Amino acid sequence: MNPINKYFFVSIFCSVFLLLTAFSATSVYAAGSFDPEKIHGPRIEKLCMVIITNADSQVLAAEKGEIDIISDITRPSDIDRLSMERGLSMSLARGFHAFFILLNNKARPWDDPDVRHAAAEAIDRNNMVRTIYSGYCEPINSWLPPVSPWSLPDSTKNIYDKASSKNRLRAKGYKWSLTGDLIYPDGTPMPRMKLLTPLARVAPTTAELAEQIADSLRSVGFPVDVEPMDFSAMVGKLDRKEYSLGVIAWSMGRNPDSLYSFYHSSMDIPGGYNMTSIEDHSLDDDLLKLRYAKNRAEAEAASEKSQRRLAELMPSIPVYSRFSVSAVSKKWKNVFANEKMTADNIWTLLMAEPADGKERPLNMVLAEEPRNLNPFAASSAYSWQILGLIYESLIGTDPFTLDDMPSLAESWSVETVGKGKNEHTKLTFRLRKNLRWSDGSPLTAEDLKTTFDFLREKKVPRFFDSVKNIRSVRAENGTQIIVDMEGTSYWYLDNIGGLPCMPAKVLKKVTDWQNWNPLDPKGKFGPHGLLGSGPFMLDEYKPGEFVMMKRNGHYRMLETGKTGAK
């Protein structure tokens, strides 16, 4: 690494550190002083999710004090503008977003890992993050975002080195034409390649980034031109492998088993996530061991080995991970934020109270129309921003470690039972006592059995990957549920423990899960309304204006004796 590159890397690292430190100052709780089991809430009676789809209008509403929480602020100019507002507190956290350059590994020249490495070394991630995103992103060199507890320590290592890039190509027998374009070792000029990107009017920063990527690749001889197109058309080309290069961003989960979906050769199918068509027997073996690890130790070993192998193969080129940024009005107290979670989180919604002590609704932005509130068919993040407050799962996520923590289940166990071909994973969940649905009726293990059986038998696409390997489900004594899986996998725990739990009495009335509209007062395909165990209930939805939520009076964290940290 030359001194200038090293300077840029250190400079950006310091900027990121200062941003995290400054923005996270809105945090009112620190690890060790925050015990989720001692929190009570929600402390607000109503949560108004105001539908504002225009980014400029969102910022203006926050400046006027009409909005208390605005989430997922992406434009640097908006972040800087809101940071100047004395009535707002900003929070910034590392996110699970990751942006990649996809390479068609079965097409020349990307069928050679040395050439892929040369391309990766030509990309000046630090400069792109600094000039386009003003430092509100983190350059990465990993296949998991740095916030993931499974990411390798060198996930932000700077590999930009144009001299090394050219030396790699030269060592493989490549030459350069008089115009600077690469010539294959067999003497054939490298033809011009298209870098697929969304249209500038839809994703302006991505389009700008694509131009810089093309410039970087051209600087070492790759004849690349940018080809903007409709996003759905672009994804279609990526799915069909009718491309040479493309850019795409993923919102990734906290566990590393997603690497199997992205890079195992069996997922190189139309519509599959292996859009790079990488096929490597050693990588496949590592990814299989990762997906079907029996315990944490096996999972950690396989995760590290898979990531190391990906670093050797370079099937795609990691570029950056975007930070999550939110703004919260200082008219509210008990706001929670840390370096892994911005203030627009469930803990803030549970604990927040007006600073002046006067009860009023908390207003937060809903950036898109939810449209579909059928929990079986809804696929947008905006629909689940609402549904996620209505439904709970057996297991939650610790806000500091991002590890599993109790939710509806107070404890659980993962066992490997049986022998030979009958060896499989057995999950046992023990429910908290006195759980209730929002109508006050008891929540029992029988409800959960019915939920899991329903999702598996109906093959509901959104959840089928989590339930397809269920062998059997048993409910015992109303408070314990036992799930036997086919085969063994450490990840079965999160697959099952993360499913939204629903009342058996509701599921038995759903006659057509695909067309069920819970807002239909006639109840044509299922019952009217949404019945869950989460902290809020749906009160009113006025399309184009707002979704009003009200406090679930039977929520488990409203129990007598619960106290919130002050």
Protein backbone atom coordinates (compact mmCIF):
# COMPACT_ATOMS: atom_id res chain seq x y z
CA MET A 1 0.00 0.00 0.00
CA ASN A 2 1.52 3.34 -0.94
CA PRO A 3 1.69 6.18 1.66
CA ILE A 4 -1.11 8.19 0.02
CA ASN A 5 -3.54 5.25 0.06
CA LYS A 6 -2.58 4.50 3.64
CA TYR A 7 -3.24 8.14 4.56
CA PHE A 8 -6.70 8.07 2.95
CA PHE A 9 -7.56 4.83 4.77
CA VAL A 10 -6.52 6.20 8.16
CA SER A 11 -8.32 9.47 7.45
CA ILE A 12 -11.62 7.74 6.63
CA PHE A 13 -11.28 5.35 9.56
CA CYS A 14 -10.84 8.31 11.92
CA SER A 15 -13.81 10.11 10.35
CA VAL A 16 -15.98 7.02 10.81
CA PHE A 17 -14.86 6.69 14.44
CA LEU A 18 -15.64 10.34 15.18
CA LEU A 19 -19.04 10.10 13.48
CA LEU A 20 -19.97 7.02 15.48
CA THR A 21 -18.81 8.67 18.69
CA ALA A 22 -20.55 11.99 18.04
CA PHE A 23 -23.85 10.62 16.77
CA SER A 24 -24.09 7.88 19.37
CA ALA A 25 -24.01 10.58 22.04
CA THR A 26 -27.84 10.44 21.86
CA SER A 27 -27.65 7.06 23.57
CA VAL A 28 -29.03 7.19 27.11
CA TYR A 29 -28.16 3.62 27.99
CA ALA A 30 -24.90 1.70 27.87
CA ALA A 31 -24.12 -1.99 28.01
CA GLY A 32 -24.39 -3.09 31.61
CA SER A 33 -26.88 -0.35 32.61
CA PHE A 34 -29.63 -1.64 30.34
CA ASP A 35 -31.55 -4.78 31.25
CA PRO A 36 -34.32 -5.61 28.77
CA GLU A 37 -36.00 -7.78 31.38
CA LYS A 38 -36.53 -4.71 33.60
CA ILE A 39 -37.99 -2.43 30.95
CA HIS A 40 -41.70 -1.66 30.97
CA GLY A 41 -43.69 -0.23 28.08
CA PRO A 42 -44.93 0.99 25.74
CA ARG A 43 -45.23 4.19 27.73
CA ILE A 44 -47.07 5.99 24.94
CA GLU A 45 -50.71 5.33 24.22
CA LYS A 46 -50.50 5.98 20.49
CA LEU A 47 -47.87 5.77 17.76
CA CYS A 48 -48.69 7.66 14.56
CA MET A 49 -46.77 6.49 11.50
CA VAL A 50 -47.09 9.42 9.09
CA ILE A 51 -46.80 8.44 5.42
CA ILE A 52 -44.33 10.84 3.74
CA THR A 53 -42.72 9.43 0.62
CA ASN A 54 -40.71 12.48 -0.48
CA ALA A 55 -37.30 12.85 1.23
CA ASP A 56 -37.40 16.67 1.13
CA SER A 57 -40.84 16.66 2.75
CA GLN A 58 -39.61 14.30 5.48
CA VAL A 59 -36.73 16.63 6.36
CA LEU A 60 -38.99 19.69 6.34
CA ALA A 61 -41.51 17.98 8.63
CA ALA A 62 -38.73 17.10 11.08
CA GLU A 63 -37.42 20.68 11.04
CA LYS A 64 -40.92 22.02 11.74
CA GLY A 65 -41.36 19.66 14.68
CA GLU A 66 -44.24 17.81 13.01
CA ILE A 67 -42.29 14.54 13.08
CA ASP A 68 -40.59 13.07 16.16
CA ILE A 69 -38.61 10.30 14.45
CA ILE A 70 -37.25 10.14 10.92
CA SER A 71 -35.41 6.96 9.91
CA ASP A 72 -33.00 5.77 7.25
CA ILE A 73 -31.69 9.19 6.22
CA THR A 74 -29.40 8.49 3.28
CA ARG A 75 -28.52 11.79 1.58
CA PRO A 76 -25.44 13.45 3.14
CA SER A 77 -27.01 16.89 2.59
CA ASP A 78 -30.07 15.85 4.63
CA ILE A 79 -27.90 14.43 7.41
CA ASP A 80 -25.87 17.65 7.60
CA ARG A 81 -29.03 19.76 7.50
CA LEU A 82 -30.79 17.91 10.29
CA SER A 83 -27.61 17.83 12.37
CA MET A 84 -27.84 21.63 12.54
CA GLU A 85 -31.31 21.53 14.08
CA ARG A 86 -31.03 22.26 17.81
CA GLY A 87 -34.29 20.46 18.52
CA LEU A 88 -33.12 17.14 17.06
CA SER A 89 -30.72 14.44 18.22
CA MET A 90 -28.97 12.39 15.56
CA SER A 91 -27.94 8.76 15.86
CA LEU A 92 -25.69 6.78 13.55
CA ALA A 93 -24.99 3.05 13.57
CA ARG A 94 -23.30 0.49 11.42
CA GLY A 95 -25.90 -1.28 9.32
CA PHE A 96 -26.37 -4.64 7.59
CA HIS A 97 -26.38 -2.96 4.19
CA ALA A 98 -23.65 -4.08 1.78
CA PHE A 99 -22.95 -2.87 -1.77
CA PHE A 100 -21.21 -5.15 -4.29
CA ILE A 101 -19.95 -5.19 -7.86
CA LEU A 102 -21.24 -8.45 -9.33
CA LEU A 103 -18.99 -10.28 -11.81
CA ASN A 104 -20.21 -13.02 -14.13
CA ASN A 105 -17.74 -15.73 -13.08
CA LYS A 106 -18.60 -17.92 -16.08
CA ALA A 107 -17.88 -15.25 -18.69
CA ARG A 108 -14.51 -14.04 -19.90
CA PRO A 109 -12.52 -12.32 -18.36
CA TRP A 110 -14.18 -12.88 -14.95
CA ASP A 111 -13.73 -16.66 -15.09
CA ASP A 112 -10.19 -16.11 -13.73
CA PRO A 113 -9.88 -15.29 -9.99
CA ASP A 114 -6.60 -13.41 -10.60
CA VAL A 115 -8.40 -11.07 -12.98
CA ARG A 116 -11.19 -10.60 -10.45
CA HIS A 117 -8.58 -9.70 -7.83
CA ALA A 118 -7.01 -7.22 -10.24
CA ALA A 119 -10.39 -5.53 -10.69
CA ALA A 120 -10.95 -5.43 -6.93
CA GLU A 121 -7.58 -3.75 -6.36
CA ALA A 122 -8.45 -1.10 -8.95
CA ILE A 123 -11.48 0.14 -6.97
CA ASP A 124 -10.72 3.13 -4.74
CA ARG A 125 -13.47 2.53 -2.19
CA ASN A 126 -12.21 5.16 0.25
CA ASN A 127 -12.34 7.94 -2.32
CA MET A 128 -15.84 6.90 -3.43
CA VAL A 129 -17.15 6.90 0.13
CA ARG A 130 -15.57 10.28 0.80
CA THR A 131 -16.69 12.06 -2.38
CA ILE A 132 -20.16 10.57 -2.90
CA TYR A 133 -21.35 9.77 0.61
CA SER A 134 -19.35 12.33 2.61
CA GLY A 135 -18.06 9.59 4.88
CA TYR A 136 -21.50 8.27 5.90
CA CYS A 137 -20.52 4.85 4.59
CA GLU A 138 -17.78 2.41 5.46
CA PRO A 139 -15.44 0.96 2.80
CA ILE A 140 -15.45 -2.84 3.09
CA ASN A 141 -13.50 -5.80 1.79
CA SER A 142 -15.71 -8.57 3.12
CA TRP A 143 -18.78 -10.60 2.25
CA LEU A 144 -20.49 -9.81 5.55
CA PRO A 145 -20.98 -6.22 6.77
CA PRO A 146 -18.56 -5.22 9.57
CA VAL A 147 -21.42 -4.88 12.10
CA SER A 148 -22.07 -8.62 11.89
CA PRO A 149 -20.63 -10.48 14.90
CA TRP A 150 -19.49 -13.10 12.35
CA SER A 151 -17.52 -10.70 10.16
CA LEU A 152 -13.75 -11.19 10.05
CA PRO A 153 -11.46 -8.64 11.77
CA ASP A 154 -9.94 -7.51 8.45
CA SER A 155 -13.36 -6.75 6.89
CA THR A 156 -12.43 -3.08 6.38
CA LYS A 157 -8.87 -3.68 5.14
CA ASN A 158 -7.96 -1.35 2.27
CA ILE A 159 -6.84 -3.35 -0.79
CA TYR A 160 -6.79 -0.49 -3.33
CA ASP A 161 -3.50 -0.75 -5.23
CA LYS A 162 -3.40 0.07 -8.95
CA ALA A 163 0.22 -1.02 -9.33
CA SER A 164 -0.55 -4.45 -7.86
CA SER A 165 -3.65 -4.68 -10.09
CA LYS A 166 -1.57 -4.14 -13.24
CA ASN A 167 1.16 -6.51 -12.03
CA ARG A 168 -1.45 -9.28 -11.55
CA LEU A 169 -2.69 -8.79 -15.12
CA ARG A 170 0.83 -8.65 -16.50
CA ALA A 171 1.73 -11.89 -14.68
CA LYS A 172 -1.24 -13.61 -16.38
CA GLY A 173 0.02 -12.58 -19.80
CA TYR A 174 -2.22 -9.57 -20.42
CA LYS A 175 -0.93 -6.64 -22.45
CA TRP A 176 -2.26 -3.15 -23.18
CA SER A 177 -3.18 -1.58 -26.50
CA LEU A 178 -2.00 1.90 -27.55
CA THR A 179 -5.32 3.26 -26.21
CA GLY A 180 -4.77 1.57 -22.83
CA ASP A 181 -7.33 -1.22 -23.22
CA LEU A 182 -6.44 -4.76 -22.17
CA ILE A 183 -5.44 -7.45 -24.66
CA TYR A 184 -6.04 -11.10 -23.69
CA PRO A 185 -2.99 -13.39 -23.39
CA ASP A 186 -3.99 -14.99 -26.71
CA GLY A 187 -3.67 -11.61 -28.43
CA THR A 188 -7.41 -10.91 -28.68
CA PRO A 189 -8.47 -7.35 -27.73
CA MET A 190 -10.82 -7.33 -24.76
CA PRO A 191 -14.25 -6.18 -26.04
CA ARG A 192 -16.16 -3.38 -24.33
CA MET A 193 -18.17 -4.51 -21.31
CA LYS A 194 -21.34 -3.05 -19.83
CA LEU A 195 -21.68 -2.26 -16.12
CA LEU A 196 -25.40 -2.57 -15.34
CA THR A 197 -26.80 0.02 -12.93
CA PRO A 198 -30.25 1.41 -11.99
CA LEU A 199 -31.43 4.61 -13.67
CA ALA A 200 -30.07 7.87 -12.24
CA ARG A 201 -33.58 9.25 -11.62
CA VAL A 202 -34.34 6.25 -9.40
CA ALA A 203 -30.97 5.81 -7.67
CA PRO A 204 -28.83 8.92 -8.33
CA THR A 205 -25.99 8.08 -5.92
CA THR A 206 -25.73 4.51 -7.23
CA ALA A 207 -25.57 5.83 -10.78
CA GLU A 208 -22.79 8.25 -9.79
CA LEU A 209 -20.95 5.47 -7.99
CA ALA A 210 -21.21 3.25 -11.08
CA GLU A 211 -19.50 5.95 -13.15
CA GLN A 212 -16.62 6.09 -10.66
CA ILE A 213 -16.34 2.30 -10.66
CA ALA A 214 -16.16 2.29 -14.45
CA ASP A 215 -13.46 4.99 -14.33
CA SER A 216 -11.44 2.94 -11.83
CA LEU A 217 -11.66 -0.20 -13.97
CA ARG A 218 -10.77 1.70 -17.14
CA SER A 219 -7.70 3.13 -15.38
CA VAL A 220 -6.12 -0.36 -15.36
CA GLY A 221 -7.32 -1.29 -18.84
CA PHE A 222 -10.77 -2.87 -18.45
CA PRO A 223 -12.94 -1.37 -21.26
CA VAL A 224 -16.08 -0.74 -19.20
CA ASP A 225 -19.07 1.47 -20.01
CA VAL A 226 -22.02 2.15 -17.71
CA GLU A 227 -25.44 0.94 -18.87
CA PRO A 228 -28.31 2.41 -16.79
CA MET A 229 -31.63 0.58 -16.97
CA ASP A 230 -34.90 -0.04 -15.16
CA PHE A 231 -34.15 -1.90 -11.93
CA SER A 232 -36.51 -4.82 -12.59
CA ALA A 233 -35.01 -5.24 -16.07
CA MET A 234 -31.52 -5.16 -14.55
CA VAL A 235 -32.39 -7.82 -11.98
CA GLY A 236 -33.83 -9.95 -14.80
CA LYS A 237 -30.52 -9.79 -16.66
CA LEU A 238 -28.61 -10.65 -13.49
CA ASP A 239 -30.91 -13.60 -12.83
CA ARG A 240 -30.45 -14.92 -16.37
CA LYS A 241 -26.66 -14.27 -16.24
CA GLU A 242 -26.98 -12.02 -19.29
CA TYR A 243 -24.36 -9.60 -18.04
CA SER A 244 -20.67 -9.02 -17.52
CA LEU A 245 -20.72 -6.62 -14.53
CA GLY A 246 -23.46 -5.12 -12.39
CA VAL A 247 -23.93 -3.28 -9.12
CA ILE A 248 -26.34 -4.27 -6.39
CA ALA A 249 -26.91 -3.70 -2.69
CA TRP A 250 -28.15 -6.29 -0.20
CA SER A 251 -29.72 -5.86 3.20
CA MET A 252 -28.17 -8.83 4.95
CA GLY A 253 -29.15 -10.69 8.10
CA ARG A 254 -27.03 -10.93 11.22
CA ASN A 255 -26.09 -14.59 10.62
CA PRO A 256 -23.51 -15.81 8.09
CA ASP A 257 -25.56 -18.68 6.64
CA SER A 258 -26.76 -16.22 3.97
CA LEU A 259 -23.35 -16.83 2.35
CA TYR A 260 -24.67 -20.25 1.31
CA SER A 261 -27.48 -18.61 -0.65
CA PHE A 262 -25.18 -16.12 -2.34
CA TYR A 263 -22.23 -18.35 -3.24
CA HIS A 264 -23.06 -22.07 -3.15
CA SER A 265 -23.14 -23.54 -6.67
CA SER A 266 -26.57 -25.14 -6.06
CA MET A 267 -28.03 -21.63 -5.84
CA ASP A 268 -26.86 -20.80 -9.37
CA ILE A 269 -30.37 -21.16 -10.78
CA PRO A 270 -32.81 -18.72 -12.42
CA GLY A 271 -33.98 -16.43 -9.65
CA GLY A 272 -31.34 -17.78 -7.26
CA TYR A 273 -29.12 -15.49 -5.21
CA ASN A 274 -25.88 -16.86 -6.70
CA MET A 275 -25.88 -14.22 -9.43
CA THR A 276 -22.11 -14.45 -9.90
CA SER A 277 -22.33 -18.15 -10.91
CA ILE A 278 -19.31 -18.93 -8.72
CA GLU A 279 -18.64 -22.67 -8.65
CA ASP A 280 -15.85 -23.97 -6.45
CA HIS A 281 -15.84 -27.39 -4.78
CA SER A 282 -13.81 -26.24 -1.79
CA LEU A 283 -16.12 -23.26 -1.21
CA ASP A 284 -19.19 -25.49 -1.60
CA ASP A 285 -17.84 -27.85 1.08
CA ASP A 286 -17.18 -24.95 3.48
CA LEU A 287 -20.61 -23.45 2.87
CA LEU A 288 -22.34 -26.79 3.43
CA LYS A 289 -20.51 -27.15 6.74
CA LEU A 290 -21.62 -23.63 7.61
CA ARG A 291 -25.29 -24.18 6.77
CA TYR A 292 -25.48 -27.55 8.54
CA ALA A 293 -23.20 -26.86 11.51
CA LYS A 294 -24.46 -28.69 14.59
CA ASN A 295 -23.32 -26.11 17.16
CA ARG A 296 -21.81 -22.66 17.61
CA ALA A 297 -18.21 -23.88 17.48
CA GLU A 298 -18.75 -25.66 14.17
CA ALA A 299 -20.59 -22.63 12.81
CA GLU A 300 -17.76 -20.24 13.76
CA ALA A 301 -15.10 -22.46 12.17
CA ALA A 302 -17.08 -22.92 8.95
CA SER A 303 -17.97 -19.22 8.79
CA GLU A 304 -14.35 -18.13 9.00
CA LYS A 305 -13.20 -20.76 6.50
CA SER A 306 -15.94 -19.78 4.02
CA GLN A 307 -15.06 -16.10 4.24
CA ARG A 308 -11.34 -16.81 3.81
CA ARG A 309 -12.09 -18.88 0.71
CA LEU A 310 -14.29 -16.10 -0.69
CA ALA A 311 -11.41 -13.67 -0.19
CA GLU A 312 -9.23 -15.99 -2.30
CA LEU A 313 -11.83 -16.42 -5.05
CA MET A 314 -13.20 -12.83 -5.12
CA PRO A 315 -16.46 -13.86 -6.90
CA SER A 316 -17.85 -10.35 -6.37
CA ILE A 317 -16.22 -7.11 -5.26
CA PRO A 318 -17.34 -5.63 -1.92
CA VAL A 319 -17.42 -1.82 -2.00
CA TYR A 320 -19.09 -0.28 1.04
CA SER A 321 -21.58 -0.71 3.85
CA ARG A 322 -23.95 2.19 4.44
CA PHE A 323 -24.53 3.54 7.93
CA SER A 324 -28.03 3.83 9.34
CA VAL A 325 -28.87 7.40 10.38
CA SER A 326 -31.95 8.66 12.20
CA ALA A 327 -33.12 11.87 13.85
CA VAL A 328 -35.25 12.11 17.01
CA SER A 329 -36.92 15.16 18.55
CA LYS A 330 -35.47 16.29 21.87
CA LYS A 331 -39.05 16.64 23.09
CA TRP A 332 -38.80 12.94 23.98
CA LYS A 333 -36.79 11.29 26.75
CA ASN A 334 -35.62 7.69 27.24
CA VAL A 335 -34.37 7.43 23.67
CA PHE A 336 -32.16 4.39 23.07
CA ALA A 337 -29.29 4.25 20.56
CA ASN A 338 -25.87 2.68 20.35
CA GLU A 339 -23.17 1.95 17.76
CA LYS A 340 -25.20 -0.99 16.40
CA MET A 341 -28.69 0.48 16.52
CA THR A 342 -30.07 3.91 15.63
CA ALA A 343 -32.74 5.53 17.79
CA ASP A 344 -35.66 4.42 15.59
CA ASN A 345 -35.79 1.01 17.29
CA ILE A 346 -38.21 -1.04 19.35
CA TRP A 347 -36.55 -0.06 22.65
CA THR A 348 -37.15 3.64 21.96
CA LEU A 349 -40.77 2.92 21.07
CA LEU A 350 -41.18 0.98 24.31
CA MET A 351 -39.50 3.49 26.64
CA ALA A 352 -39.99 6.91 25.04
CA GLU A 353 -41.97 9.50 27.02
CA PRO A 354 -42.67 13.17 26.37
CA ALA A 355 -39.99 15.22 28.13
CA ASP A 356 -42.60 17.68 29.42
CA GLY A 357 -44.70 14.86 30.90
CA LYS A 358 -47.75 15.66 28.77
CA GLU A 359 -49.18 12.58 27.08
CA ARG A 360 -49.31 12.78 23.27
CA PRO A 361 -48.81 10.47 20.27
CA LEU A 362 -45.29 9.85 19.01
CA ASN A 363 -45.10 10.71 15.30
CA MET A 364 -42.63 8.85 13.08
CA VAL A 365 -42.14 8.75 9.31
CA LEU A 366 -43.35 5.82 7.23
CA ALA A 367 -41.44 6.37 3.98
CA GLU A 368 -43.75 4.37 1.70
CA GLU A 369 -47.37 3.30 1.56
CA PRO A 370 -47.63 -0.14 3.25
CA ARG A 371 -50.39 -1.23 0.83
CA ASN A 372 -50.53 -4.86 2.01
CA LEU A 373 -51.00 -5.78 5.68
CA ASN A 374 -51.63 -9.46 5.08
CA PRO A 375 -48.76 -11.00 7.13
CA PHE A 376 -48.57 -13.97 4.73
CA ALA A 377 -48.35 -11.94 1.52
CA ALA A 378 -46.75 -8.65 2.63
CA SER A 379 -43.17 -8.43 1.40
CA SER A 380 -42.16 -4.77 1.71
CA ALA A 381 -40.11 -3.44 4.61
CA TYR A 382 -42.75 -0.75 5.11
CA SER A 383 -45.53 -3.27 5.64
CA TRP A 384 -43.36 -5.13 8.15
CA GLN A 385 -42.47 -1.89 9.91
CA ILE A 386 -46.12 -2.05 11.02
CA LEU A 387 -46.60 -5.82 11.27
CA GLY A 388 -43.39 -6.16 13.28
CA LEU A 389 -45.00 -4.12 16.08
CA ILE A 390 -48.07 -6.36 16.10
CA TYR A 391 -46.46 -9.81 15.95
CA GLU A 392 -43.68 -11.23 18.11
CA SER A 393 -41.39 -14.21 17.75
CA LEU A 394 -40.00 -16.70 20.24
CA ILE A 395 -36.53 -15.16 20.20
CA GLY A 396 -35.41 -11.54 20.00
CA THR A 397 -32.08 -9.78 19.34
CA ASP A 398 -29.83 -8.33 22.03
CA PRO A 399 -29.28 -4.63 21.17
CA PHE A 400 -25.63 -4.71 22.25
CA THR A 401 -24.29 -8.06 21.07
CA LEU A 402 -26.85 -8.83 18.32
CA ASP A 403 -27.05 -12.33 19.77
CA ASP A 404 -30.29 -14.16 20.61
CA MET A 405 -32.27 -13.07 23.66
CA PRO A 406 -35.61 -14.14 25.17
CA SER A 407 -38.85 -12.83 23.69
CA LEU A 408 -42.00 -14.99 23.91
CA ALA A 409 -39.72 -17.85 24.95
CA GLU A 410 -37.96 -17.36 28.27
CA SER A 411 -35.46 -20.12 27.44
CA TRP A 412 -34.68 -22.75 24.81
CA SER A 413 -32.40 -25.63 24.01
CA VAL A 414 -30.84 -27.04 20.84
CA GLU A 415 -30.00 -30.75 20.78
CA THR A 416 -28.70 -33.23 18.24
CA VAL A 417 -30.68 -36.44 18.72
CA GLY A 418 -30.97 -39.80 16.96
CA LYS A 419 -28.26 -41.76 15.20
CA GLY A 420 -27.18 -42.35 11.62
CA LYS A 421 -29.75 -41.32 9.06
CA ASN A 422 -32.14 -40.42 11.88
CA GLU A 423 -29.78 -37.86 13.43
CA HIS A 424 -31.50 -34.47 13.57
CA THR A 425 -31.86 -31.20 15.46
CA LYS A 426 -34.42 -30.94 18.25
CA LEU A 427 -35.53 -27.48 19.40
CA THR A 428 -37.32 -26.99 22.71
CA PHE A 429 -38.82 -23.59 23.60
CA ARG A 430 -40.23 -22.78 27.05
CA LEU A 431 -42.74 -19.93 26.97
CA ARG A 432 -43.02 -17.14 29.52
CA LYS A 433 -45.92 -17.42 31.90
CA ASN A 434 -49.20 -15.55 31.48
CA LEU A 435 -48.69 -14.53 27.87
CA ARG A 436 -51.75 -13.03 26.18
CA TRP A 437 -52.92 -11.95 22.76
CA SER A 438 -54.01 -8.34 22.34
CA ASP A 439 -57.67 -9.30 22.93
CA GLY A 440 -56.74 -10.69 26.36
CA SER A 441 -57.03 -14.38 25.46
CA PRO A 442 -54.20 -16.74 26.56
CA LEU A 443 -51.22 -17.33 24.24
CA THR A 444 -50.21 -21.00 24.44
CA ALA A 445 -47.83 -23.45 22.85
CA GLU A 446 -50.78 -24.75 20.81
CA ASP A 447 -50.94 -21.38 19.04
CA LEU A 448 -47.31 -21.72 18.03
CA LYS A 449 -47.76 -25.29 16.81
CA THR A 450 -50.69 -24.11 14.69
CA THR A 451 -48.58 -21.22 13.32
CA PHE A 452 -45.68 -23.45 12.29
CA ASP A 453 -47.95 -26.13 10.84
CA PHE A 454 -49.91 -23.52 8.88
CA LEU A 455 -46.82 -21.94 7.34
CA ARG A 456 -45.40 -25.33 6.39
CA GLU A 457 -48.60 -26.90 5.05
CA LYS A 458 -49.60 -23.82 3.05
CA LYS A 459 -46.00 -23.37 1.82
CA VAL A 460 -46.20 -19.62 2.39
CA PRO A 461 -43.25 -18.37 0.28
CA ARG A 462 -42.03 -15.67 2.67
CA PHE A 463 -41.55 -18.19 5.48
CA PHE A 464 -41.25 -21.53 3.71
CA ASP A 465 -37.44 -21.63 3.74
CA SER A 466 -37.61 -21.47 7.56
CA VAL A 467 -40.25 -24.18 7.99
CA LYS A 468 -39.66 -26.57 5.07
CA ASN A 469 -37.33 -28.79 7.13
CA ILE A 470 -39.72 -29.25 10.05
CA ARG A 471 -40.28 -32.94 10.77
CA SER A 472 -42.86 -32.52 13.54
CA VAL A 473 -44.15 -30.00 16.06
CA ARG A 474 -45.45 -30.86 19.54
CA ALA A 475 -47.07 -28.61 22.13
CA GLU A 476 -46.77 -29.72 25.78
CA ASN A 477 -48.53 -28.37 28.87
CA GLY A 478 -49.44 -25.13 27.13
CA THR A 479 -46.01 -23.65 27.85
CA GLN A 480 -43.53 -25.78 25.91
CA ILE A 481 -43.14 -26.42 22.21
CA ILE A 482 -40.83 -29.04 20.71
CA VAL A 483 -39.79 -28.87 17.06
CA ASP A 484 -37.97 -31.78 15.43
CA MET A 485 -36.16 -30.86 12.23
CA GLU A 486 -34.93 -32.90 9.28
CA GLY A 487 -31.16 -33.22 9.53
CA THR A 488 -28.98 -30.99 11.67
CA SER A 489 -28.26 -27.26 11.57
CA TYR A 490 -27.34 -24.67 14.19
CA TRP A 491 -29.36 -22.11 12.18
CA TYR A 492 -32.63 -23.97 12.69
CA LEU A 493 -32.88 -22.14 16.03
CA ASP A 494 -33.12 -18.71 14.40
CA ASN A 495 -35.22 -20.02 11.50
CA ILE A 496 -37.94 -21.21 13.88
CA GLY A 497 -37.33 -18.79 16.73
CA GLY A 498 -37.66 -15.79 14.41
CA LEU A 499 -41.07 -16.63 12.92
CA PRO A 500 -44.01 -14.32 13.71
CA CYS A 501 -46.41 -16.09 16.07
CA MET A 502 -50.17 -15.96 15.43
CA PRO A 503 -53.32 -17.12 17.27
CA ALA A 504 -54.69 -20.53 16.33
CA LYS A 505 -58.24 -19.18 16.42
CA VAL A 506 -57.36 -16.65 13.69
CA LEU A 507 -55.48 -19.11 11.48
CA LYS A 508 -58.40 -21.53 11.57
CA LYS A 509 -60.63 -18.81 10.07
CA VAL A 510 -58.26 -17.87 7.23
CA THR A 511 -59.78 -19.54 4.16
CA ASP A 512 -57.45 -18.02 1.54
CA TRP A 513 -54.12 -16.87 2.96
CA GLN A 514 -52.98 -15.29 -0.32
CA ASN A 515 -56.02 -13.00 -0.69
CA TRP A 516 -56.82 -12.40 2.98
CA ASN A 517 -57.24 -8.68 3.67
CA PRO A 518 -57.31 -8.06 7.44
CA LEU A 519 -58.73 -4.56 6.77
CA ASP A 520 -61.82 -5.95 5.02
CA PRO A 521 -64.73 -5.53 7.47
CA LYS A 522 -66.66 -8.25 5.61
CA GLY A 523 -63.95 -10.82 6.38
CA LYS A 524 -64.17 -12.42 2.94
CA PHE A 525 -61.06 -14.61 3.17
CA GLY A 526 -60.30 -14.40 6.88
CA PRO A 527 -61.17 -12.49 10.05
CA HIS A 528 -61.25 -8.70 10.19
CA GLY A 529 -58.33 -7.16 12.10
CA LEU A 530 -54.87 -8.25 13.20
CA LEU A 531 -54.45 -10.06 16.49
CA GLY A 532 -50.91 -10.33 17.85
CA SER A 533 -48.92 -10.24 21.06
CA GLY A 534 -46.61 -7.32 20.21
CA PRO A 535 -46.49 -3.92 21.93
CA PHE A 536 -48.95 -2.21 19.56
CA MET A 537 -52.23 -2.84 17.76
CA LEU A 538 -53.50 -1.38 14.50
CA ASP A 539 -55.99 1.37 15.30
CA GLU A 540 -56.58 3.11 11.95
CA TYR A 541 -55.04 3.16 8.47
CA LYS A 542 -55.77 6.11 6.21
CA PRO A 543 -53.97 5.47 2.87
CA GLY A 544 -51.71 8.30 1.82
CA GLU A 545 -51.84 9.91 5.25
CA PHE A 546 -51.06 7.76 8.28
CA VAL A 547 -51.17 4.45 10.11
CA MET A 548 -52.26 4.89 13.71
CA MET A 549 -51.14 2.29 16.25
CA LYS A 550 -52.35 2.04 19.82
CA ARG A 551 -50.80 0.41 22.86
CA ASN A 552 -51.56 -3.26 23.45
CA GLY A 553 -52.94 -3.25 26.98
CA HIS A 554 -52.11 -6.95 27.39
CA TYR A 555 -48.48 -6.68 26.29
CA ARG A 556 -46.15 -8.79 28.42
CA MET A 557 -43.86 -5.85 29.29
CA LEU A 558 -46.73 -3.95 30.90
CA GLU A 559 -46.85 -6.45 33.75
CA THR A 560 -47.08 -5.09 37.27
CA GLY A 561 -43.67 -4.80 38.84
CA LYS A 562 -41.79 -4.03 35.64
CA THR A 563 -39.72 -0.88 35.96
CA GLY A 564 -37.81 1.05 33.35
CA ALA A 565 -34.31 2.36 33.81
CA LYS A 566 -34.26 6.14 34.12
